[in-house]
PDB file of all heavy atoms in Angstrom:
ATOM      1  N   VAL A   1     266.835 284.097  38.437  1.00  0.00           N
ATOM      2  CA  VAL A   1     266.517 283.015  37.507  1.00  0.00           C
ATOM      3  C   VAL A   1     265.189 283.338  36.817  1.00  0.00           C
ATOM      4  O   VAL A   1     264.195 283.640  37.476  1.00  0.00           O
ATOM      5  CB  VAL A   1     266.406 281.653  38.233  1.00  0.00           C
ATOM      6  CG1 VAL A   1     265.990 280.558  37.240  1.00  0.00           C
ATOM      7  CG2 VAL A   1     267.724 281.286  38.900  1.00  0.00           C
ATOM      8  N   LEU A   2     265.206 283.292  35.477  1.00  0.00           N
ATOM      9  CA  LEU A   2     263.982 283.396  34.675  1.00  0.00           C
ATOM     10  C   LEU A   2     263.613 281.983  34.255  1.00  0.00           C
ATOM     11  O   LEU A   2     264.329 281.345  33.484  1.00  0.00           O
ATOM     12  CB  LEU A   2     264.214 284.267  33.441  1.00  0.00           C
ATOM     13  CG  LEU A   2     264.328 285.769  33.665  1.00  0.00           C
ATOM     14  CD1 LEU A   2     264.665 286.473  32.353  1.00  0.00           C
ATOM     15  CD2 LEU A   2     263.052 286.329  34.242  1.00  0.00           C
ATOM     16  N   LEU A   3     262.495 281.490  34.765  1.00  0.00           N
ATOM     17  CA  LEU A   3     262.169 280.069  34.638  1.00  0.00           C
ATOM     18  C   LEU A   3     260.857 279.859  33.891  1.00  0.00           C
ATOM     19  O   LEU A   3     259.834 280.463  34.216  1.00  0.00           O
ATOM     20  CB  LEU A   3     262.072 279.455  36.046  1.00  0.00           C
ATOM     21  CG  LEU A   3     261.673 277.990  36.160  1.00  0.00           C
ATOM     22  CD1 LEU A   3     262.708 277.090  35.484  1.00  0.00           C
ATOM     23  CD2 LEU A   3     261.506 277.600  37.625  1.00  0.00           C
ATOM     24  N   ASP A   4     260.892 278.979  32.883  1.00  0.00           N
ATOM     25  CA  ASP A   4     259.671 278.580  32.182  1.00  0.00           C
ATOM     26  C   ASP A   4     258.988 277.473  32.980  1.00  0.00           C
ATOM     27  O   ASP A   4     259.654 276.685  33.666  1.00  0.00           O
ATOM     28  CB  ASP A   4     260.030 278.077  30.777  1.00  0.00           C
ATOM     29  CG  ASP A   4     258.806 277.760  29.935  1.00  0.00           C
ATOM     30  OD1 ASP A   4     257.770 278.422  30.132  1.00  0.00           O
ATOM     31  OD2 ASP A   4     258.879 276.853  29.093  1.00  0.00           O
ATOM     32  N   GLN A   5     257.657 277.404  32.882  1.00  0.00           N
ATOM     33  CA  GLN A   5     256.920 276.384  33.630  1.00  0.00           C
ATOM     34  C   GLN A   5     256.843 275.064  32.876  1.00  0.00           C
ATOM     35  O   GLN A   5     257.114 274.002  33.434  1.00  0.00           O
ATOM     36  CB  GLN A   5     255.513 276.892  33.954  1.00  0.00           C
ATOM     37  CG  GLN A   5     254.468 275.812  34.235  1.00  0.00           C
ATOM     38  CD  GLN A   5     254.853 274.878  35.380  1.00  0.00           C
ATOM     39  OE1 GLN A   5     255.647 275.231  36.235  1.00  0.00           O
ATOM     40  NE2 GLN A   5     254.292 273.675  35.371  1.00  0.00           N
ATOM     41  N   SER A   6     256.457 275.107  31.602  1.00  0.00           N
ATOM     42  CA  SER A   6     256.186 273.869  30.844  1.00  0.00           C
ATOM     43  C   SER A   6     257.406 273.471  30.029  1.00  0.00           C
ATOM     44  O   SER A   6     257.748 274.116  29.034  1.00  0.00           O
ATOM     45  CB  SER A   6     254.976 274.066  29.923  1.00  0.00           C
ATOM     46  OG  SER A   6     253.829 274.410  30.667  1.00  0.00           O
ATOM     47  N   MET A   7     258.072 272.396  30.462  1.00  0.00           N
ATOM     48  CA  MET A   7     259.247 271.891  29.758  1.00  0.00           C
ATOM     49  C   MET A   7     259.245 270.369  29.813  1.00  0.00           C
ATOM     50  O   MET A   7     258.718 269.785  30.768  1.00  0.00           O
ATOM     51  CB  MET A   7     260.541 272.423  30.412  1.00  0.00           C
ATOM     52  CG  MET A   7     260.735 273.921  30.350  1.00  0.00           C
ATOM     53  SD  MET A   7     262.295 274.447  31.113  1.00  0.00           S
ATOM     54  CE  MET A   7     261.964 274.086  32.847  1.00  0.00           C
ATOM     55  N   PRO A   8     259.822 269.715  28.801  1.00  0.00           N
ATOM     56  CA  PRO A   8     259.954 268.260  28.887  1.00  0.00           C
ATOM     57  C   PRO A   8     260.959 267.878  29.973  1.00  0.00           C
ATOM     58  O   PRO A   8     261.827 268.671  30.335  1.00  0.00           O
ATOM     59  CB  PRO A   8     260.475 267.883  27.489  1.00  0.00           C
ATOM     60  CG  PRO A   8     261.136 269.112  26.974  1.00  0.00           C
ATOM     61  CD  PRO A   8     260.362 270.258  27.548  1.00  0.00           C
ATOM     62  N   GLY A   9     260.811 266.686  30.514  1.00  0.00           N
ATOM     63  CA  GLY A   9     261.701 266.279  31.599  1.00  0.00           C
ATOM     64  C   GLY A   9     261.299 266.982  32.879  1.00  0.00           C
ATOM     65  O   GLY A   9     260.159 266.905  33.325  1.00  0.00           O
ATOM     66  N   MET A  10     262.232 267.700  33.468  1.00  0.00           N
ATOM     67  CA  MET A  10     261.940 268.457  34.683  1.00  0.00           C
ATOM     68  C   MET A  10     261.107 269.689  34.322  1.00  0.00           C
ATOM     69  O   MET A  10     261.536 270.515  33.522  1.00  0.00           O
ATOM     70  CB  MET A  10     263.245 268.889  35.364  1.00  0.00           C
ATOM     71  CG  MET A  10     264.097 267.760  35.906  1.00  0.00           C
ATOM     72  SD  MET A  10     265.615 268.384  36.696  1.00  0.00           S
ATOM     73  CE  MET A  10     264.941 269.127  38.187  1.00  0.00           C
ATOM     74  N   ASP A  11     259.930 269.819  34.933  1.00  0.00           N
ATOM     75  CA  ASP A  11     259.125 271.007  34.680  1.00  0.00           C
ATOM     76  C   ASP A  11     259.537 272.128  35.628  1.00  0.00           C
ATOM     77  O   ASP A  11     260.483 271.990  36.413  1.00  0.00           O
ATOM     78  CB  ASP A  11     257.633 270.693  34.807  1.00  0.00           C
ATOM     79  CG  ASP A  11     257.232 270.303  36.234  1.00  0.00           C
ATOM     80  OD1 ASP A  11     258.088 270.333  37.138  1.00  0.00           O
ATOM     81  OD2 ASP A  11     256.049 269.957  36.433  1.00  0.00           O
ATOM     82  N   GLY A  12     258.818 273.253  35.552  1.00  0.00           N
ATOM     83  CA  GLY A  12     259.194 274.410  36.346  1.00  0.00           C
ATOM     84  C   GLY A  12     259.204 274.152  37.841  1.00  0.00           C
ATOM     85  O   GLY A  12     260.087 274.624  38.556  1.00  0.00           O
ATOM     86  N   VAL A  13     258.219 273.410  38.331  1.00  0.00           N
ATOM     87  CA  VAL A  13     258.139 273.127  39.765  1.00  0.00           C
ATOM     88  C   VAL A  13     259.350 272.326  40.223  1.00  0.00           C
ATOM     89  O   VAL A  13     259.963 272.626  41.259  1.00  0.00           O
ATOM     90  CB  VAL A  13     256.837 272.368  40.098  1.00  0.00           C
ATOM     91  CG1 VAL A  13     256.824 271.957  41.567  1.00  0.00           C
ATOM     92  CG2 VAL A  13     255.611 273.224  39.783  1.00  0.00           C
ATOM     93  N   ALA A  14     259.724 271.291  39.453  1.00  0.00           N
ATOM     94  CA  ALA A  14     260.863 270.446  39.819  1.00  0.00           C
ATOM     95  C   ALA A  14     262.174 271.234  39.799  1.00  0.00           C
ATOM     96  O   ALA A  14     263.012 271.103  40.703  1.00  0.00           O
ATOM     97  CB  ALA A  14     260.947 269.245  38.873  1.00  0.00           C
ATOM     98  N   VAL A  15     262.345 272.082  38.760  1.00  0.00           N
ATOM     99  CA  VAL A  15     263.567 272.882  38.661  1.00  0.00           C
ATOM    100  C   VAL A  15     263.641 273.872  39.831  1.00  0.00           C
ATOM    101  O   VAL A  15     264.678 274.022  40.470  1.00  0.00           O
ATOM    102  CB  VAL A  15     263.620 273.637  37.318  1.00  0.00           C
ATOM    103  CG1 VAL A  15     264.843 274.560  37.272  1.00  0.00           C
ATOM    104  CG2 VAL A  15     263.667 272.645  36.165  1.00  0.00           C
ATOM    105  N   PHE A  16     262.524 274.551  40.095  1.00  0.00           N
ATOM    106  CA  PHE A  16     262.468 275.510  41.191  1.00  0.00           C
ATOM    107  C   PHE A  16     262.879 274.852  42.512  1.00  0.00           C
ATOM    108  O   PHE A  16     263.689 275.396  43.272  1.00  0.00           O
ATOM    109  CB  PHE A  16     261.052 276.076  41.299  1.00  0.00           C
ATOM    110  CG  PHE A  16     260.853 277.026  42.442  1.00  0.00           C
ATOM    111  CD1 PHE A  16     261.068 278.382  42.280  1.00  0.00           C
ATOM    112  CD2 PHE A  16     260.460 276.560  43.688  1.00  0.00           C
ATOM    113  CE1 PHE A  16     260.889 279.260  43.341  1.00  0.00           C
ATOM    114  CE2 PHE A  16     260.270 277.428  44.750  1.00  0.00           C
ATOM    115  CZ  PHE A  16     260.494 278.784  44.576  1.00  0.00           C
ATOM    116  N   THR A  17     262.340 273.671  42.776  1.00  0.00           N
ATOM    117  CA  THR A  17     262.628 272.961  44.026  1.00  0.00           C
ATOM    118  C   THR A  17     264.110 272.643  44.149  1.00  0.00           C
ATOM    119  O   THR A  17     264.718 272.824  45.212  1.00  0.00           O
ATOM    120  CB  THR A  17     261.800 271.664  44.098  1.00  0.00           C
ATOM    121  OG1 THR A  17     260.408 271.983  43.991  1.00  0.00           O
ATOM    122  CG2 THR A  17     262.052 270.938  45.404  1.00  0.00           C
ATOM    123  N   GLU A  18     264.718 272.181  43.042  1.00  0.00           N
ATOM    124  CA  GLU A  18     266.145 271.828  43.080  1.00  0.00           C
ATOM    125  C   GLU A  18     267.021 273.060  43.248  1.00  0.00           C
ATOM    126  O   GLU A  18     268.012 273.035  43.985  1.00  0.00           O
ATOM    127  CB  GLU A  18     266.522 271.073  41.804  1.00  0.00           C
ATOM    128  CG  GLU A  18     265.938 269.674  41.707  1.00  0.00           C
ATOM    129  CD  GLU A  18     266.329 268.805  42.890  1.00  0.00           C
ATOM    130  OE1 GLU A  18     267.534 268.778  43.235  1.00  0.00           O
ATOM    131  OE2 GLU A  18     265.435 268.175  43.490  1.00  0.00           O
ATOM    132  N   LEU A  19     266.682 274.162  42.560  1.00  0.00           N
ATOM    133  CA  LEU A  19     267.484 275.379  42.676  1.00  0.00           C
ATOM    134  C   LEU A  19     267.449 275.919  44.097  1.00  0.00           C
ATOM    135  O   LEU A  19     268.474 276.367  44.633  1.00  0.00           O
ATOM    136  CB  LEU A  19     266.983 276.446  41.700  1.00  0.00           C
ATOM    137  CG  LEU A  19     267.096 276.138  40.205  1.00  0.00           C
ATOM    138  CD1 LEU A  19     266.645 277.342  39.376  1.00  0.00           C
ATOM    139  CD2 LEU A  19     268.511 275.737  39.824  1.00  0.00           C
ATOM    140  N   ARG A  20     266.264 275.873  44.720  1.00  0.00           N
ATOM    141  CA  ARG A  20     266.153 276.373  46.084  1.00  0.00           C
ATOM    142  C   ARG A  20     266.871 275.460  47.094  1.00  0.00           C
ATOM    143  O   ARG A  20     267.266 275.906  48.159  1.00  0.00           O
ATOM    144  CB  ARG A  20     264.678 276.528  46.456  1.00  0.00           C
ATOM    145  CG  ARG A  20     264.053 277.816  45.889  1.00  0.00           C
ATOM    146  CD  ARG A  20     264.627 279.047  46.606  1.00  0.00           C
ATOM    147  NE  ARG A  20     264.139 280.300  46.046  1.00  0.00           N
ATOM    148  CZ  ARG A  20     262.993 280.874  46.361  1.00  0.00           C
ATOM    149  NH1 ARG A  20     262.176 280.285  47.217  1.00  0.00           N
ATOM    150  NH2 ARG A  20     262.652 282.022  45.820  1.00  0.00           N
ATOM    151  N   LYS A  21     267.009 274.181  46.771  1.00  0.00           N
ATOM    152  CA  LYS A  21     267.805 273.291  47.626  1.00  0.00           C
ATOM    153  C   LYS A  21     269.278 273.692  47.586  1.00  0.00           C
ATOM    154  O   LYS A  21     269.990 273.629  48.594  1.00  0.00           O
ATOM    155  CB  LYS A  21     267.661 271.838  47.162  1.00  0.00           C
ATOM    156  CG  LYS A  21     266.325 271.192  47.502  1.00  0.00           C
ATOM    157  CD  LYS A  21     266.299 269.760  46.986  1.00  0.00           C
ATOM    158  CE  LYS A  21     264.967 269.087  47.294  1.00  0.00           C
ATOM    159  NZ  LYS A  21     264.921 267.704  46.733  1.00  0.00           N
ATOM    160  N   ILE A  22     269.716 274.119  46.395  1.00  0.00           N
ATOM    161  CA  ILE A  22     271.119 274.516  46.233  1.00  0.00           C
ATOM    162  C   ILE A  22     271.373 275.865  46.881  1.00  0.00           C
ATOM    163  O   ILE A  22     272.391 276.076  47.547  1.00  0.00           O
ATOM    164  CB  ILE A  22     271.483 274.566  44.733  1.00  0.00           C
ATOM    165  CG1 ILE A  22     271.311 273.174  44.102  1.00  0.00           C
ATOM    166  CG2 ILE A  22     272.917 275.071  44.537  1.00  0.00           C
ATOM    167  CD1 ILE A  22     271.368 273.179  42.587  1.00  0.00           C
ATOM    168  N   ARG A  23     270.424 276.796  46.674  1.00  0.00           N
ATOM    169  CA  ARG A  23     270.577 278.140  47.235  1.00  0.00           C
ATOM    170  C   ARG A  23     269.203 278.703  47.561  1.00  0.00           C
ATOM    171  O   ARG A  23     268.436 279.069  46.674  1.00  0.00           O
ATOM    172  CB  ARG A  23     271.307 279.045  46.240  1.00  0.00           C
ATOM    173  CG  ARG A  23     271.640 280.400  46.785  1.00  0.00           C
ATOM    174  CD  ARG A  23     272.386 281.240  45.775  1.00  0.00           C
ATOM    175  NE  ARG A  23     271.952 282.629  45.885  1.00  0.00           N
ATOM    176  CZ  ARG A  23     272.155 283.555  44.951  1.00  0.00           C
ATOM    177  NH1 ARG A  23     272.771 283.221  43.826  1.00  0.00           N
ATOM    178  NH2 ARG A  23     271.732 284.781  45.130  1.00  0.00           N
ATOM    179  N   SER A  24     268.885 278.776  48.825  1.00  0.00           N
ATOM    180  CA  SER A  24     267.516 279.076  49.259  1.00  0.00           C
ATOM    181  C   SER A  24     267.100 280.516  49.010  1.00  0.00           C
ATOM    182  O   SER A  24     265.912 280.833  49.026  1.00  0.00           O
ATOM    183  CB  SER A  24     267.360 278.757  50.751  1.00  0.00           C
ATOM    184  OG  SER A  24     268.207 279.588  51.525  1.00  0.00           O
ATOM    185  N   ASP A  25     268.070 281.426  48.766  1.00  0.00           N
ATOM    186  CA  ASP A  25     267.709 282.840  48.632  1.00  0.00           C
ATOM    187  C   ASP A  25     267.691 283.327  47.190  1.00  0.00           C
ATOM    188  O   ASP A  25     267.552 284.522  46.942  1.00  0.00           O
ATOM    189  CB  ASP A  25     268.686 283.698  49.443  1.00  0.00           C
ATOM    190  CG  ASP A  25     270.103 283.638  48.882  1.00  0.00           C
ATOM    191  OD1 ASP A  25     270.469 282.585  48.318  1.00  0.00           O
ATOM    192  OD2 ASP A  25     270.840 284.638  49.006  1.00  0.00           O
ATOM    193  N   ILE A  26     267.847 282.436  46.212  1.00  0.00           N
ATOM    194  CA  ILE A  26     267.895 282.873  44.816  1.00  0.00           C
ATOM    195  C   ILE A  26     266.507 283.354  44.364  1.00  0.00           C
ATOM    196  O   ILE A  26     265.521 282.627  44.478  1.00  0.00           O
ATOM    197  CB  ILE A  26     268.416 281.751  43.879  1.00  0.00           C
ATOM    198  CG1 ILE A  26     268.512 282.259  42.436  1.00  0.00           C
ATOM    199  CG2 ILE A  26     267.551 280.501  43.958  1.00  0.00           C
ATOM    200  CD1 ILE A  26     269.549 283.314  42.218  1.00  0.00           C
ATOM    201  N   PRO A  27     266.392 284.590  43.880  1.00  0.00           N
ATOM    202  CA  PRO A  27     265.103 285.063  43.376  1.00  0.00           C
ATOM    203  C   PRO A  27     264.743 284.330  42.073  1.00  0.00           C
ATOM    204  O   PRO A  27     265.581 284.198  41.181  1.00  0.00           O
ATOM    205  CB  PRO A  27     265.340 286.557  43.115  1.00  0.00           C
ATOM    206  CG  PRO A  27     266.589 286.903  43.864  1.00  0.00           C
ATOM    207  CD  PRO A  27     267.409 285.653  43.872  1.00  0.00           C
ATOM    208  N   VAL A  28     263.516 283.847  41.986  1.00  0.00           N
ATOM    209  CA  VAL A  28     263.055 283.117  40.805  1.00  0.00           C
ATOM    210  C   VAL A  28     261.807 283.805  40.260  1.00  0.00           C
ATOM    211  O   VAL A  28     260.812 283.975  40.978  1.00  0.00           O
ATOM    212  CB  VAL A  28     262.739 281.645  41.127  1.00  0.00           C
ATOM    213  CG1 VAL A  28     262.245 280.924  39.863  1.00  0.00           C
ATOM    214  CG2 VAL A  28     263.975 280.944  41.680  1.00  0.00           C
ATOM    215  N   LEU A  29     261.883 284.198  38.986  1.00  0.00           N
ATOM    216  CA  LEU A  29     260.758 284.819  38.292  1.00  0.00           C
ATOM    217  C   LEU A  29     260.242 283.829  37.254  1.00  0.00           C
ATOM    218  O   LEU A  29     260.986 283.413  36.367  1.00  0.00           O
ATOM    219  CB  LEU A  29     261.217 286.117  37.616  1.00  0.00           C
ATOM    220  CG  LEU A  29     260.203 286.878  36.772  1.00  0.00           C
ATOM    221  CD1 LEU A  29     259.002 287.289  37.610  1.00  0.00           C
ATOM    222  CD2 LEU A  29     260.860 288.111  36.150  1.00  0.00           C
ATOM    223  N   LEU A  30     258.991 283.429  37.387  1.00  0.00           N
ATOM    224  CA  LEU A  30     258.421 282.417  36.513  1.00  0.00           C
ATOM    225  C   LEU A  30     257.724 283.073  35.331  1.00  0.00           C
ATOM    226  O   LEU A  30     257.021 284.070  35.488  1.00  0.00           O
ATOM    227  CB  LEU A  30     257.420 281.543  37.273  1.00  0.00           C
ATOM    228  CG  LEU A  30     257.018 280.279  36.515  1.00  0.00           C
ATOM    229  CD1 LEU A  30     258.055 279.190  36.728  1.00  0.00           C
ATOM    230  CD2 LEU A  30     255.653 279.791  36.939  1.00  0.00           C
ATOM    231  N   ALA A  31     257.906 282.503  34.137  1.00  0.00           N
ATOM    232  CA  ALA A  31     257.220 282.959  32.930  1.00  0.00           C
ATOM    233  C   ALA A  31     256.376 281.812  32.388  1.00  0.00           C
ATOM    234  O   ALA A  31     256.840 280.678  32.299  1.00  0.00           O
ATOM    235  CB  ALA A  31     258.233 283.420  31.880  1.00  0.00           C
ATOM    236  N   SER A  32     255.116 282.114  32.048  1.00  0.00           N
ATOM    237  CA  SER A  32     254.234 281.066  31.558  1.00  0.00           C
ATOM    238  C   SER A  32     253.096 281.662  30.749  1.00  0.00           C
ATOM    239  O   SER A  32     252.721 282.822  30.938  1.00  0.00           O
ATOM    240  CB  SER A  32     253.666 280.254  32.729  1.00  0.00           C
ATOM    241  OG  SER A  32     252.728 279.297  32.261  1.00  0.00           O
ATOM    242  N   GLY A  33     252.551 280.858  29.842  1.00  0.00           N
ATOM    243  CA  GLY A  33     251.359 281.251  29.112  1.00  0.00           C
ATOM    244  C   GLY A  33     250.097 281.004  29.902  1.00  0.00           C
ATOM    245  O   GLY A  33     249.026 281.521  29.557  1.00  0.00           O
ATOM    246  N   PHE A  34     250.191 280.199  30.973  1.00  0.00           N
ATOM    247  CA  PHE A  34     249.036 279.964  31.836  1.00  0.00           C
ATOM    248  C   PHE A  34     248.776 281.180  32.712  1.00  0.00           C
ATOM    249  O   PHE A  34     249.640 282.029  32.897  1.00  0.00           O
ATOM    250  CB  PHE A  34     249.264 278.734  32.712  1.00  0.00           C
ATOM    251  CG  PHE A  34     249.267 277.438  31.954  1.00  0.00           C
ATOM    252  CD1 PHE A  34     250.376 276.609  31.980  1.00  0.00           C
ATOM    253  CD2 PHE A  34     248.168 277.063  31.208  1.00  0.00           C
ATOM    254  CE1 PHE A  34     250.382 275.422  31.277  1.00  0.00           C
ATOM    255  CE2 PHE A  34     248.166 275.868  30.505  1.00  0.00           C
ATOM    256  CZ  PHE A  34     249.269 275.040  30.541  1.00  0.00           C
ATOM    257  N   SER A  35     247.577 281.257  33.279  1.00  0.00           N
ATOM    258  CA  SER A  35     247.213 282.396  34.108  1.00  0.00           C
ATOM    259  C   SER A  35     247.953 282.355  35.437  1.00  0.00           C
ATOM    260  O   SER A  35     248.440 281.310  35.881  1.00  0.00           O
ATOM    261  CB  SER A  35     245.705 282.418  34.360  1.00  0.00           C
ATOM    262  OG  SER A  35     245.349 281.380  35.252  1.00  0.00           O
ATOM    263  N   LYS A  36     247.987 283.523  36.101  1.00  0.00           N
ATOM    264  CA  LYS A  36     248.659 283.635  37.392  1.00  0.00           C
ATOM    265  C   LYS A  36     248.014 282.716  38.420  1.00  0.00           C
ATOM    266  O   LYS A  36     248.707 282.089  39.228  1.00  0.00           O
ATOM    267  CB  LYS A  36     248.607 285.086  37.872  1.00  0.00           C
ATOM    268  CG  LYS A  36     249.368 285.344  39.167  1.00  0.00           C
ATOM    269  CD  LYS A  36     249.353 286.819  39.509  1.00  0.00           C
ATOM    270  CE  LYS A  36     250.176 287.085  40.770  1.00  0.00           C
ATOM    271  NZ  LYS A  36     250.208 288.532  41.095  1.00  0.00           N
ATOM    272  N   GLU A  37     246.664 282.620  38.375  1.00  0.00           N
ATOM    273  CA  GLU A  37     245.963 281.790  39.348  1.00  0.00           C
ATOM    274  C   GLU A  37     246.357 280.322  39.210  1.00  0.00           C
ATOM    275  O   GLU A  37     246.559 279.608  40.197  1.00  0.00           O
ATOM    276  CB  GLU A  37     244.444 281.955  39.186  1.00  0.00           C
ATOM    277  CG  GLU A  37     243.895 283.257  39.752  1.00  0.00           C
ATOM    278  CD  GLU A  37     244.298 284.472  38.929  1.00  0.00           C
ATOM    279  OE1 GLU A  37     244.512 284.336  37.706  1.00  0.00           O
ATOM    280  OE2 GLU A  37     244.420 285.553  39.500  1.00  0.00           O
ATOM    281  N   VAL A  38     246.471 279.839  37.962  1.00  0.00           N
ATOM    282  CA  VAL A  38     246.871 278.451  37.718  1.00  0.00           C
ATOM    283  C   VAL A  38     248.288 278.212  38.219  1.00  0.00           C
ATOM    284  O   VAL A  38     248.577 277.203  38.877  1.00  0.00           O
ATOM    285  CB  VAL A  38     246.765 278.117  36.216  1.00  0.00           C
ATOM    286  CG1 VAL A  38     247.384 276.744  35.921  1.00  0.00           C
ATOM    287  CG2 VAL A  38     245.306 278.133  35.767  1.00  0.00           C
ATOM    288  N   ILE A  39     249.188 279.157  37.925  1.00  0.00           N
ATOM    289  CA  ILE A  39     250.589 279.007  38.329  1.00  0.00           C
ATOM    290  C   ILE A  39     250.736 279.033  39.848  1.00  0.00           C
ATOM    291  O   ILE A  39     251.461 278.218  40.431  1.00  0.00           O
ATOM    292  CB  ILE A  39     251.442 280.119  37.681  1.00  0.00           C
ATOM    293  CG1 ILE A  39     251.527 279.895  36.163  1.00  0.00           C
ATOM    294  CG2 ILE A  39     252.840 280.153  38.289  1.00  0.00           C
ATOM    295  CD1 ILE A  39     252.118 278.557  35.759  1.00  0.00           C
ATOM    296  N   LEU A  40     250.046 279.961  40.508  1.00  0.00           N
ATOM    297  CA  LEU A  40     250.175 280.044  41.964  1.00  0.00           C
ATOM    298  C   LEU A  40     249.630 278.792  42.635  1.00  0.00           C
ATOM    299  O   LEU A  40     250.107 278.398  43.701  1.00  0.00           O
ATOM    300  CB  LEU A  40     249.453 281.283  42.481  1.00  0.00           C
ATOM    301  CG  LEU A  40     250.065 282.628  42.076  1.00  0.00           C
ATOM    302  CD1 LEU A  40     249.339 283.772  42.762  1.00  0.00           C
ATOM    303  CD2 LEU A  40     251.551 282.672  42.386  1.00  0.00           C
ATOM    304  N   GLU A  41     248.636 278.165  42.017  1.00  0.00           N
ATOM    305  CA  GLU A  41     248.129 276.914  42.567  1.00  0.00           C
ATOM    306  C   GLU A  41     249.175 275.817  42.449  1.00  0.00           C
ATOM    307  O   GLU A  41     249.381 275.028  43.371  1.00  0.00           O
ATOM    308  CB  GLU A  41     246.842 276.521  41.838  1.00  0.00           C
ATOM    309  CG  GLU A  41     246.248 275.191  42.282  1.00  0.00           C
ATOM    310  CD  GLU A  41     245.783 275.196  43.727  1.00  0.00           C
ATOM    311  OE1 GLU A  41     245.541 276.290  44.295  1.00  0.00           O
ATOM    312  OE2 GLU A  41     245.675 274.098  44.308  1.00  0.00           O
ATOM    313  N   ARG A  42     249.865 275.754  41.306  1.00  0.00           N
ATOM    314  CA  ARG A  42     250.894 274.725  41.098  1.00  0.00           C
ATOM    315  C   ARG A  42     252.104 274.953  42.002  1.00  0.00           C
ATOM    316  O   ARG A  42     252.772 274.011  42.409  1.00  0.00           O
ATOM    317  CB  ARG A  42     251.337 274.720  39.635  1.00  0.00           C
ATOM    318  CG  ARG A  42     250.266 274.235  38.676  1.00  0.00           C
ATOM    319  CD  ARG A  42     250.786 274.139  37.258  1.00  0.00           C
ATOM    320  NE  ARG A  42     249.745 273.673  36.346  1.00  0.00           N
ATOM    321  CZ  ARG A  42     249.924 273.516  35.040  1.00  0.00           C
ATOM    322  NH1 ARG A  42     251.093 273.773  34.487  1.00  0.00           N
ATOM    323  NH2 ARG A  42     248.931 273.096  34.283  1.00  0.00           N
ATOM    324  N   PHE A  43     252.414 276.233  42.295  1.00  0.00           N
ATOM    325  CA  PHE A  43     253.581 276.565  43.107  1.00  0.00           C
ATOM    326  C   PHE A  43     253.187 276.924  44.540  1.00  0.00           C
ATOM    327  O   PHE A  43     253.960 277.560  45.251  1.00  0.00           O
ATOM    328  CB  PHE A  43     254.343 277.734  42.480  1.00  0.00           C
ATOM    329  CG  PHE A  43     255.211 277.342  41.322  1.00  0.00           C
ATOM    330  CD1 PHE A  43     254.667 277.099  40.079  1.00  0.00           C
ATOM    331  CD2 PHE A  43     256.582 277.196  41.471  1.00  0.00           C
ATOM    332  CE1 PHE A  43     255.451 276.745  39.000  1.00  0.00           C
ATOM    333  CE2 PHE A  43     257.388 276.839  40.413  1.00  0.00           C
ATOM    334  CZ  PHE A  43     256.819 276.609  39.166  1.00  0.00           C
ATOM    335  N   LYS A  44     252.004 276.498  44.949  1.00  0.00           N
ATOM    336  CA  LYS A  44     251.490 276.885  46.256  1.00  0.00           C
ATOM    337  C   LYS A  44     252.457 276.452  47.359  1.00  0.00           C
ATOM    338  O   LYS A  44     252.874 275.294  47.435  1.00  0.00           O
ATOM    339  CB  LYS A  44     250.115 276.243  46.479  1.00  0.00           C
ATOM    340  CG  LYS A  44     249.324 276.860  47.610  1.00  0.00           C
ATOM    341  CD  LYS A  44     247.890 276.350  47.597  1.00  0.00           C
ATOM    342  CE  LYS A  44     247.052 277.041  48.641  1.00  0.00           C
ATOM    343  NZ  LYS A  44     245.635 276.598  48.607  1.00  0.00           N
ATOM    344  N   GLY A  45     252.827 277.410  48.201  1.00  0.00           N
ATOM    345  CA  GLY A  45     253.725 277.115  49.311  1.00  0.00           C
ATOM    346  C   GLY A  45     255.193 277.116  48.960  1.00  0.00           C
ATOM    347  O   GLY A  45     256.034 276.885  49.822  1.00  0.00           O
ATOM    348  N   LEU A  46     255.540 277.393  47.689  1.00  0.00           N
ATOM    349  CA  LEU A  46     256.939 277.324  47.254  1.00  0.00           C
ATOM    350  C   LEU A  46     257.615 278.682  47.157  1.00  0.00           C
ATOM    351  O   LEU A  46     258.762 278.777  46.752  1.00  0.00           O
ATOM    352  CB  LEU A  46     257.029 276.603  45.896  1.00  0.00           C
ATOM    353  CG  LEU A  46     256.633 275.124  45.906  1.00  0.00           C
ATOM    354  CD1 LEU A  46     256.790 274.519  44.511  1.00  0.00           C
ATOM    355  CD2 LEU A  46     257.479 274.341  46.899  1.00  0.00           C
TER     356      LEU A  46
END
């Protein structure tokens, strides 16, 4: 899955959480204009 972070409605974190509930082993690659440090903080523990 190639996933954007900033979207209206469900954002990247919400989508990621739901996809992993459906299938826990799906590889997810996040794409964002924000820095890696900002993204890893938002997805901390995920």
